[in-house]
Amino acid sequence: MTPPNKALTVKRDLEGLLSSLIECGIAEDQNFPTLRPDSNNLWEVSFAGAEHVSIAMRDIDYATLYRELSSKRSYSVKMIDGGLLQLMYLFEGEQLVRHRLTYYPSPELRPFQEEPEWYWHDELFSDILFRRVFPFPLRFDFDDTAAQDVVHPMCHLTLGDVKGCRIPVSTPLTPRWFMDFVLRNFYRVDKYDFISKLPKHRLYFDLTITANERRLIHMVVPRNG
C-alpha cells in the first residue's frame, strides 16, 4: 500500500523538527515518527510507545500520569526539562481524520524558562519543594467525526484535561505549528532562540472552525509561515 502524500509530509515534517531539537540540545530523548497503515485506507503517523497514551484516560493524579508516560517512553520527544510531547495523526487517504498533540510539563523539574543555565550545565534537580508554576497538560485535538458546533469544535485546545474545556481552534495544527507554540510559550528565553532554527513550514490544513465558533474567543492558526 502506498501511503498518502499528506501523511508522508507530516512524518517528514516531524522528523525534521526532532532533528532540529536534538541539534539545539533542547531534546533529552525522542522516538522518531512511524507511518503505518491501520485499516480501510487509514494511515497513522505516531511513535513507539503510543499504545500507552490511554493512561491519560485513567483517574490518576498528574504526577503519577507523568511518571507512567515517561517510564514507558510514551512520547515523541522528551525535552531537557522533562516536558513530554506527543504528536499523533490519523489520515484516511489525503484527508486528516484526527490528531492528538499533547504537552506534559514535568511536575518535578523547574521549567526551562526559569533556569536555562542550570540545564546547560547538567545540574538537573528534582527535589524542589516550592514552584511558581503549577504544571498541567495541554492538548490540541482534532476529530472530524465527533464535532458538534460550539459544544465540541472539530479542532480545539484543552487545558489541564478539563473535560468541558474546548477552546475552538481555527484549523488543525501541523507538527511545525505545534512545536512553534510549545517552544514560543514554554522554552523561549532571551539568550536562546530555538524557533528560528526550526525547519520551514511544509504544509497547511484547511479551516475547520464554524461561523458560530468564530463569534467566541478562539485561537487562530496562521495560514502561512
C-alpha atoms as a PDB file:
ATOM      1  CA  MET A   1       0.000   0.000   0.000  1.00  0.00           C
ATOM      2  CA  THR A   2       1.233   3.474  -0.883  1.00  0.00           C
ATOM      3  CA  PRO A   3       0.872   5.998   1.974  1.00  0.00           C
ATOM      4  CA  PRO A   4      -0.910   9.291   1.227  1.00  0.00           C
ATOM      5  CA  ASN A   5       1.238  12.328   0.458  1.00  0.00           C
ATOM      6  CA  LYS A   6      -0.027  14.362   3.422  1.00  0.00           C
ATOM      7  CA  ALA A   7       0.793  11.586   5.869  1.00  0.00           C
ATOM      8  CA  LEU A   8       4.286  11.333   4.404  1.00  0.00           C
ATOM      9  CA  THR A   9       4.701  15.106   4.646  1.00  0.00           C
ATOM     10  CA  VAL A  10       3.619  15.137   8.301  1.00  0.00           C
ATOM     11  CA  LYS A  11       6.109  12.347   9.069  1.00  0.00           C
ATOM     12  CA  ARG A  12       8.947  14.197   7.320  1.00  0.00           C
ATOM     13  CA  ASP A  13       7.950  17.446   8.997  1.00  0.00           C
ATOM     14  CA  LEU A  14       8.167  15.796  12.395  1.00  0.00           C
ATOM     15  CA  GLU A  15      11.480  14.113  11.582  1.00  0.00           C
ATOM     16  CA  GLY A  16      12.998  17.468  10.697  1.00  0.00           C
ATOM     17  CA  LEU A  17      11.634  19.086  13.845  1.00  0.00           C
ATOM     18  CA  LEU A  18      13.036  16.398  16.131  1.00  0.00           C
ATOM     19  CA  SER A  19      16.414  16.629  14.411  1.00  0.00           C
ATOM     20  CA  SER A  20      16.390  20.387  14.989  1.00  0.00           C
ATOM     21  CA  LEU A  21      15.610  19.958  18.699  1.00  0.00           C
ATOM     22  CA  ILE A  22      18.458  17.454  19.028  1.00  0.00           C
ATOM     23  CA  GLU A  23      20.908  19.798  17.305  1.00  0.00           C
ATOM     24  CA  CYS A  24      19.872  22.646  19.608  1.00  0.00           C
ATOM     25  CA  GLY A  25      20.377  20.475  22.677  1.00  0.00           C
ATOM     26  CA  ILE A  26      16.834  21.024  23.923  1.00  0.00           C
ATOM     27  CA  ALA A  27      15.764  17.372  23.457  1.00  0.00           C
ATOM     28  CA  GLU A  28      16.803  14.770  26.015  1.00  0.00           C
ATOM     29  CA  ASP A  29      15.223  11.741  24.331  1.00  0.00           C
ATOM     30  CA  GLN A  30      12.998  11.081  21.334  1.00  0.00           C
ATOM     31  CA  ASN A  31      11.079   8.494  19.328  1.00  0.00           C
ATOM     32  CA  PHE A  32      11.189   9.306  15.633  1.00  0.00           C
ATOM     33  CA  PRO A  33       7.802   9.072  13.922  1.00  0.00           C
ATOM     34  CA  THR A  34       6.408   5.923  12.395  1.00  0.00           C
ATOM     35  CA  LEU A  35       3.947   5.714   9.496  1.00  0.00           C
ATOM     36  CA  ARG A  36       1.836   2.601   9.263  1.00  0.00           C
ATOM     37  CA  PRO A  37      -1.457   1.518   7.689  1.00  0.00           C
ATOM     38  CA  ASP A  38      -4.303   0.938  10.092  1.00  0.00           C
ATOM     39  CA  SER A  39      -7.340  -0.341   8.183  1.00  0.00           C
ATOM     40  CA  ASN A  40      -9.666   0.707   5.374  1.00  0.00           C
ATOM     41  CA  ASN A  41      -7.202   3.173   3.875  1.00  0.00           C
ATOM     42  CA  LEU A  42      -6.347   4.661   7.286  1.00  0.00           C
ATOM     43  CA  TRP A  43      -2.747   5.704   7.924  1.00  0.00           C
ATOM     44  CA  GLU A  44      -1.315   6.685  11.296  1.00  0.00           C
ATOM     45  CA  VAL A  45       1.685   8.904  11.970  1.00  0.00           C
ATOM     46  CA  SER A  46       2.698   8.016  15.504  1.00  0.00           C
ATOM     47  CA  PHE A  47       5.648   6.839  17.630  1.00  0.00           C
ATOM     48  CA  ALA A  48       6.862   3.786  19.502  1.00  0.00           C
ATOM     49  CA  GLY A  49       5.108   3.772  22.861  1.00  0.00           C
ATOM     50  CA  ALA A  50       1.915   5.391  21.564  1.00  0.00           C
ATOM     51  CA  GLU A  51      -0.040   2.369  22.751  1.00  0.00           C
ATOM     52  CA  HIS A  52       0.311   3.762  26.285  1.00  0.00           C
ATOM     53  CA  VAL A  53      -1.344   7.155  25.687  1.00  0.00           C
ATOM     54  CA  SER A  54      -4.610   5.757  27.085  1.00  0.00           C
ATOM     55  CA  ILE A  55      -3.006   6.028  30.527  1.00  0.00           C
ATOM     56  CA  ALA A  56      -4.136   9.658  30.382  1.00  0.00           C
ATOM     57  CA  MET A  57      -7.750   8.472  30.493  1.00  0.00           C
ATOM     58  CA  ARG A  58      -7.308   6.840  33.897  1.00  0.00           C
ATOM     59  CA  ASP A  59      -8.380   8.576  37.079  1.00  0.00           C
ATOM     60  CA  ILE A  60      -4.901   9.188  38.491  1.00  0.00           C
ATOM     61  CA  ASP A  61      -3.076  12.263  39.696  1.00  0.00           C
ATOM     62  CA  TYR A  62      -0.909  14.199  37.287  1.00  0.00           C
ATOM     63  CA  ALA A  63       2.450  13.242  38.838  1.00  0.00           C
ATOM     64  CA  THR A  64       1.596   9.538  38.521  1.00  0.00           C
ATOM     65  CA  LEU A  65       0.371  10.001  34.956  1.00  0.00           C
ATOM     66  CA  TYR A  66       3.579  11.810  34.000  1.00  0.00           C
ATOM     67  CA  ARG A  67       5.804   9.135  35.580  1.00  0.00           C
ATOM     68  CA  GLU A  68       3.890   6.368  33.786  1.00  0.00           C
ATOM     69  CA  LEU A  69       4.223   8.018  30.380  1.00  0.00           C
ATOM     70  CA  SER A  70       7.875   8.885  30.967  1.00  0.00           C
ATOM     71  CA  SER A  71       8.863   5.419  32.193  1.00  0.00           C
ATOM     72  CA  LYS A  72       7.185   3.784  29.194  1.00  0.00           C
ATOM     73  CA  ARG A  73       8.786   6.329  26.812  1.00  0.00           C
ATOM     74  CA  SER A  74       5.324   7.193  25.527  1.00  0.00           C
ATOM     75  CA  TYR A  75       6.290  10.396  23.765  1.00  0.00           C
ATOM     76  CA  SER A  76       7.590  11.833  20.520  1.00  0.00           C
ATOM     77  CA  VAL A  77      10.201  13.818  22.399  1.00  0.00           C
ATOM     78  CA  LYS A  78      11.277  14.385  25.991  1.00  0.00           C
ATOM     79  CA  MET A  79      12.582  17.900  26.469  1.00  0.00           C
ATOM     80  CA  ILE A  80      15.614  18.867  28.533  1.00  0.00           C
ATOM     81  CA  ASP A  81      13.416  19.945  31.459  1.00  0.00           C
ATOM     82  CA  GLY A  82      11.392  16.722  31.354  1.00  0.00           C
ATOM     83  CA  GLY A  83       8.475  18.056  29.295  1.00  0.00           C
ATOM     84  CA  LEU A  84       6.863  15.336  27.170  1.00  0.00           C
ATOM     85  CA  LEU A  85       5.437  15.992  23.698  1.00  0.00           C
ATOM     86  CA  GLN A  86       3.139  13.527  21.945  1.00  0.00           C
ATOM     87  CA  LEU A  87       2.198  14.032  18.282  1.00  0.00           C
ATOM     88  CA  MET A  88      -0.219  11.619  16.608  1.00  0.00           C
ATOM     89  CA  TYR A  89      -2.099  11.979  13.301  1.00  0.00           C
ATOM     90  CA  LEU A  90      -4.595   9.756  11.507  1.00  0.00           C
ATOM     91  CA  PHE A  91      -5.345  10.089   7.797  1.00  0.00           C
ATOM     92  CA  GLU A  92      -7.939   8.499   5.543  1.00  0.00           C
ATOM     93  CA  GLY A  93      -6.342   8.871   2.156  1.00  0.00           C
ATOM     94  CA  GLU A  94      -5.331  12.533   1.890  1.00  0.00           C
ATOM     95  CA  GLN A  95      -7.955  13.589   4.448  1.00  0.00           C
ATOM     96  CA  LEU A  96      -6.910  14.272   8.044  1.00  0.00           C
ATOM     97  CA  VAL A  97      -9.297  12.407  10.342  1.00  0.00           C
ATOM     98  CA  ARG A  98      -7.812  13.033  13.798  1.00  0.00           C
ATOM     99  CA  HIS A  99      -4.839  14.444  15.579  1.00  0.00           C
ATOM    100  CA  ARG A 100      -3.738  14.454  19.204  1.00  0.00           C
ATOM    101  CA  LEU A 101      -0.952  16.885  20.098  1.00  0.00           C
ATOM    102  CA  THR A 102      -0.109  16.988  23.800  1.00  0.00           C
ATOM    103  CA  TYR A 103       2.399  18.730  26.043  1.00  0.00           C
ATOM    104  CA  TYR A 104       3.012  17.341  29.539  1.00  0.00           C
ATOM    105  CA  PRO A 105       5.345  19.567  31.599  1.00  0.00           C
ATOM    106  CA  SER A 106       7.382  17.833  34.272  1.00  0.00           C
ATOM    107  CA  PRO A 107       5.802  18.007  37.743  1.00  0.00           C
ATOM    108  CA  GLU A 108       9.234  17.697  39.380  1.00  0.00           C
ATOM    109  CA  LEU A 109      11.699  19.871  37.470  1.00  0.00           C
ATOM    110  CA  ARG A 110      11.693  23.614  37.033  1.00  0.00           C
ATOM    111  CA  PRO A 111      10.523  24.830  33.604  1.00  0.00           C
ATOM    112  CA  PHE A 112      13.392  25.575  31.239  1.00  0.00           C
ATOM    113  CA  GLN A 113      12.345  29.227  31.048  1.00  0.00           C
ATOM    114  CA  GLU A 114      13.004  29.684  34.762  1.00  0.00           C
ATOM    115  CA  GLU A 115      16.511  28.215  34.966  1.00  0.00           C
ATOM    116  CA  PRO A 116      18.003  27.686  31.475  1.00  0.00           C
ATOM    117  CA  GLU A 117      21.610  27.882  32.687  1.00  0.00           C
ATOM    118  CA  TRP A 118      21.111  25.008  35.122  1.00  0.00           C
ATOM    119  CA  TYR A 119      20.186  22.709  32.264  1.00  0.00           C
ATOM    120  CA  TRP A 120      23.089  23.678  30.043  1.00  0.00           C
ATOM    121  CA  HIS A 121      25.426  22.852  32.931  1.00  0.00           C
ATOM    122  CA  ASP A 122      23.771  19.478  33.578  1.00  0.00           C
ATOM    123  CA  GLU A 123      22.845  20.481  37.118  1.00  0.00           C
ATOM    124  CA  LEU A 124      19.367  18.987  36.978  1.00  0.00           C
ATOM    125  CA  PHE A 125      17.470  18.769  40.225  1.00  0.00           C
ATOM    126  CA  SER A 126      14.162  17.121  41.178  1.00  0.00           C
ATOM    127  CA  ASP A 127      13.691  17.797  44.912  1.00  0.00           C
ATOM    128  CA  ILE A 128      12.024  21.191  44.573  1.00  0.00           C
ATOM    129  CA  LEU A 129       9.507  21.963  47.285  1.00  0.00           C
ATOM    130  CA  PHE A 130       8.299  25.325  46.026  1.00  0.00           C
ATOM    131  CA  ARG A 131       7.372  26.150  42.457  1.00  0.00           C
ATOM    132  CA  ARG A 132       5.954  29.341  40.999  1.00  0.00           C
ATOM    133  CA  VAL A 133       4.285  27.367  38.198  1.00  0.00           C
ATOM    134  CA  PHE A 134       1.765  24.572  38.727  1.00  0.00           C
ATOM    135  CA  PRO A 135       2.267  22.097  35.854  1.00  0.00           C
ATOM    136  CA  PHE A 136      -0.707  20.910  33.833  1.00  0.00           C
ATOM    137  CA  PRO A 137      -1.049  19.280  30.420  1.00  0.00           C
ATOM    138  CA  LEU A 138      -2.408  20.944  27.321  1.00  0.00           C
ATOM    139  CA  ARG A 139      -3.763  19.171  24.270  1.00  0.00           C
ATOM    140  CA  PHE A 140      -4.781  20.158  20.747  1.00  0.00           C
ATOM    141  CA  ASP A 141      -7.379  17.709  19.482  1.00  0.00           C
ATOM    142  CA  PHE A 142      -8.850  17.356  16.016  1.00  0.00           C
ATOM    143  CA  ASP A 143     -11.649  14.900  15.223  1.00  0.00           C
ATOM    144  CA  ASP A 144     -13.919  15.329  12.215  1.00  0.00           C
ATOM    145  CA  THR A 145     -16.267  12.567  13.418  1.00  0.00           C
ATOM    146  CA  ALA A 146     -17.065  13.873  16.905  1.00  0.00           C
ATOM    147  CA  ALA A 147     -17.596  17.545  16.082  1.00  0.00           C
ATOM    148  CA  GLN A 148     -20.637  19.472  17.336  1.00  0.00           C
ATOM    149  CA  ASP A 149     -20.938  23.149  16.580  1.00  0.00           C
ATOM    150  CA  VAL A 150     -19.663  25.199  19.576  1.00  0.00           C
ATOM    151  CA  VAL A 151     -20.160  22.276  22.009  1.00  0.00           C
ATOM    152  CA  HIS A 152     -17.315  20.195  20.577  1.00  0.00           C
ATOM    153  CA  PRO A 153     -15.330  22.148  17.962  1.00  0.00           C
ATOM    154  CA  MET A 154     -13.712  20.000  15.305  1.00  0.00           C
ATOM    155  CA  CYS A 155     -10.328  21.359  16.398  1.00  0.00           C
ATOM    156  CA  HIS A 156      -9.931  22.618  19.953  1.00  0.00           C
ATOM    157  CA  LEU A 157      -7.472  23.218  22.786  1.00  0.00           C
ATOM    158  CA  THR A 158      -7.981  21.546  26.168  1.00  0.00           C
ATOM    159  CA  LEU A 159      -6.135  22.870  29.223  1.00  0.00           C
ATOM    160  CA  GLY A 160      -5.453  20.620  32.169  1.00  0.00           C
ATOM    161  CA  ASP A 161      -7.522  17.735  30.802  1.00  0.00           C
ATOM    162  CA  VAL A 162     -10.675  19.522  31.972  1.00  0.00           C
ATOM    163  CA  LYS A 163     -13.488  17.737  30.132  1.00  0.00           C
ATOM    164  CA  GLY A 164     -15.532  20.870  29.486  1.00  0.00           C
ATOM    165  CA  CYS A 165     -12.556  22.920  28.279  1.00  0.00           C
ATOM    166  CA  ARG A 166     -12.662  23.009  24.474  1.00  0.00           C
ATOM    167  CA  ILE A 167     -11.308  26.306  23.162  1.00  0.00           C
ATOM    168  CA  PRO A 168     -12.088  26.492  19.427  1.00  0.00           C
ATOM    169  CA  VAL A 169      -9.081  26.474  17.091  1.00  0.00           C
ATOM    170  CA  SER A 170      -9.366  27.687  13.504  1.00  0.00           C
ATOM    171  CA  THR A 171      -7.656  24.747  11.838  1.00  0.00           C
ATOM    172  CA  PRO A 172      -5.759  21.536  12.684  1.00  0.00           C
ATOM    173  CA  LEU A 173      -2.151  22.092  13.678  1.00  0.00           C
ATOM    174  CA  THR A 174       0.777  20.815  11.666  1.00  0.00           C
ATOM    175  CA  PRO A 175       3.746  19.461  13.656  1.00  0.00           C
ATOM    176  CA  ARG A 176       5.605  22.685  12.814  1.00  0.00           C
ATOM    177  CA  TRP A 177       2.903  24.921  14.293  1.00  0.00           C
ATOM    178  CA  PHE A 178       2.542  22.763  17.421  1.00  0.00           C
ATOM    179  CA  MET A 179       6.284  22.816  18.034  1.00  0.00           C
ATOM    180  CA  ASP A 180       6.365  26.574  17.457  1.00  0.00           C
ATOM    181  CA  PHE A 181       3.571  27.006  20.024  1.00  0.00           C
ATOM    182  CA  VAL A 182       5.350  24.920  22.686  1.00  0.00           C
ATOM    183  CA  LEU A 183       8.779  26.476  22.172  1.00  0.00           C
ATOM    184  CA  ARG A 184       7.431  30.022  21.997  1.00  0.00           C
ATOM    185  CA  ASN A 185       5.372  29.733  25.173  1.00  0.00           C
ATOM    186  CA  PHE A 186       7.392  27.371  27.372  1.00  0.00           C
ATOM    187  CA  TYR A 187      11.005  27.429  26.155  1.00  0.00           C
ATOM    188  CA  ARG A 188      11.606  30.970  24.924  1.00  0.00           C
ATOM    189  CA  VAL A 189      14.357  32.888  26.702  1.00  0.00           C
ATOM    190  CA  ASP A 190      16.356  35.893  25.537  1.00  0.00           C
ATOM    191  CA  LYS A 191      19.660  34.031  25.288  1.00  0.00           C
ATOM    192  CA  TYR A 192      18.449  31.027  23.256  1.00  0.00           C
ATOM    193  CA  ASP A 193      16.459  31.163  20.025  1.00  0.00           C
ATOM    194  CA  PHE A 194      15.182  27.715  19.138  1.00  0.00           C
ATOM    195  CA  ILE A 195      12.285  28.823  16.951  1.00  0.00           C
ATOM    196  CA  SER A 196      14.300  30.390  14.138  1.00  0.00           C
ATOM    197  CA  LYS A 197      16.255  27.141  13.789  1.00  0.00           C
ATOM    198  CA  LEU A 198      13.155  25.045  13.103  1.00  0.00           C
ATOM    199  CA  PRO A 199      12.601  23.776   9.549  1.00  0.00           C
ATOM    200  CA  LYS A 200      10.283  25.806   7.340  1.00  0.00           C
ATOM    201  CA  HIS A 201       6.589  25.016   7.109  1.00  0.00           C
ATOM    202  CA  ARG A 202       5.820  22.117   4.747  1.00  0.00           C
ATOM    203  CA  LEU A 203       2.025  22.085   4.703  1.00  0.00           C
ATOM    204  CA  TYR A 204      -1.191  23.683   5.963  1.00  0.00           C
ATOM    205  CA  PHE A 205      -4.606  22.294   6.759  1.00  0.00           C
ATOM    206  CA  ASP A 206      -7.972  23.703   5.707  1.00  0.00           C
ATOM    207  CA  LEU A 207     -10.075  25.852   8.033  1.00  0.00           C
ATOM    208  CA  THR A 208     -12.496  23.846  10.182  1.00  0.00           C
ATOM    209  CA  ILE A 209     -13.893  26.451  12.586  1.00  0.00           C
ATOM    210  CA  THR A 210     -17.601  27.267  12.195  1.00  0.00           C
ATOM    211  CA  ALA A 211     -19.223  30.683  11.944  1.00  0.00           C
ATOM    212  CA  ASN A 212     -20.688  30.306  15.446  1.00  0.00           C
ATOM    213  CA  GLU A 213     -17.316  29.324  16.907  1.00  0.00           C
ATOM    214  CA  ARG A 214     -15.721  32.406  15.341  1.00  0.00           C
ATOM    215  CA  ARG A 215     -18.064  34.512  17.494  1.00  0.00           C
ATOM    216  CA  LEU A 216     -16.444  33.030  20.609  1.00  0.00           C
ATOM    217  CA  ILE A 217     -12.966  33.562  21.970  1.00  0.00           C
ATOM    218  CA  HIS A 218     -10.871  31.232  19.836  1.00  0.00           C
ATOM    219  CA  MET A 219      -7.357  30.549  18.591  1.00  0.00           C
ATOM    220  CA  VAL A 220      -6.224  31.262  15.052  1.00  0.00           C
ATOM    221  CA  VAL A 221      -3.545  29.150  13.374  1.00  0.00           C
ATOM    222  CA  PRO A 222      -1.752  31.255  10.719  1.00  0.00           C
ATOM    223  CA  ARG A 223      -2.197  30.142   7.128  1.00  0.00           C
ATOM    224  CA  ASN A 224       1.370  30.989   6.193  1.00  0.00           C
ATOM    225  CA  GLY A 225       4.777  30.766   7.754  1.00  0.00           C
END
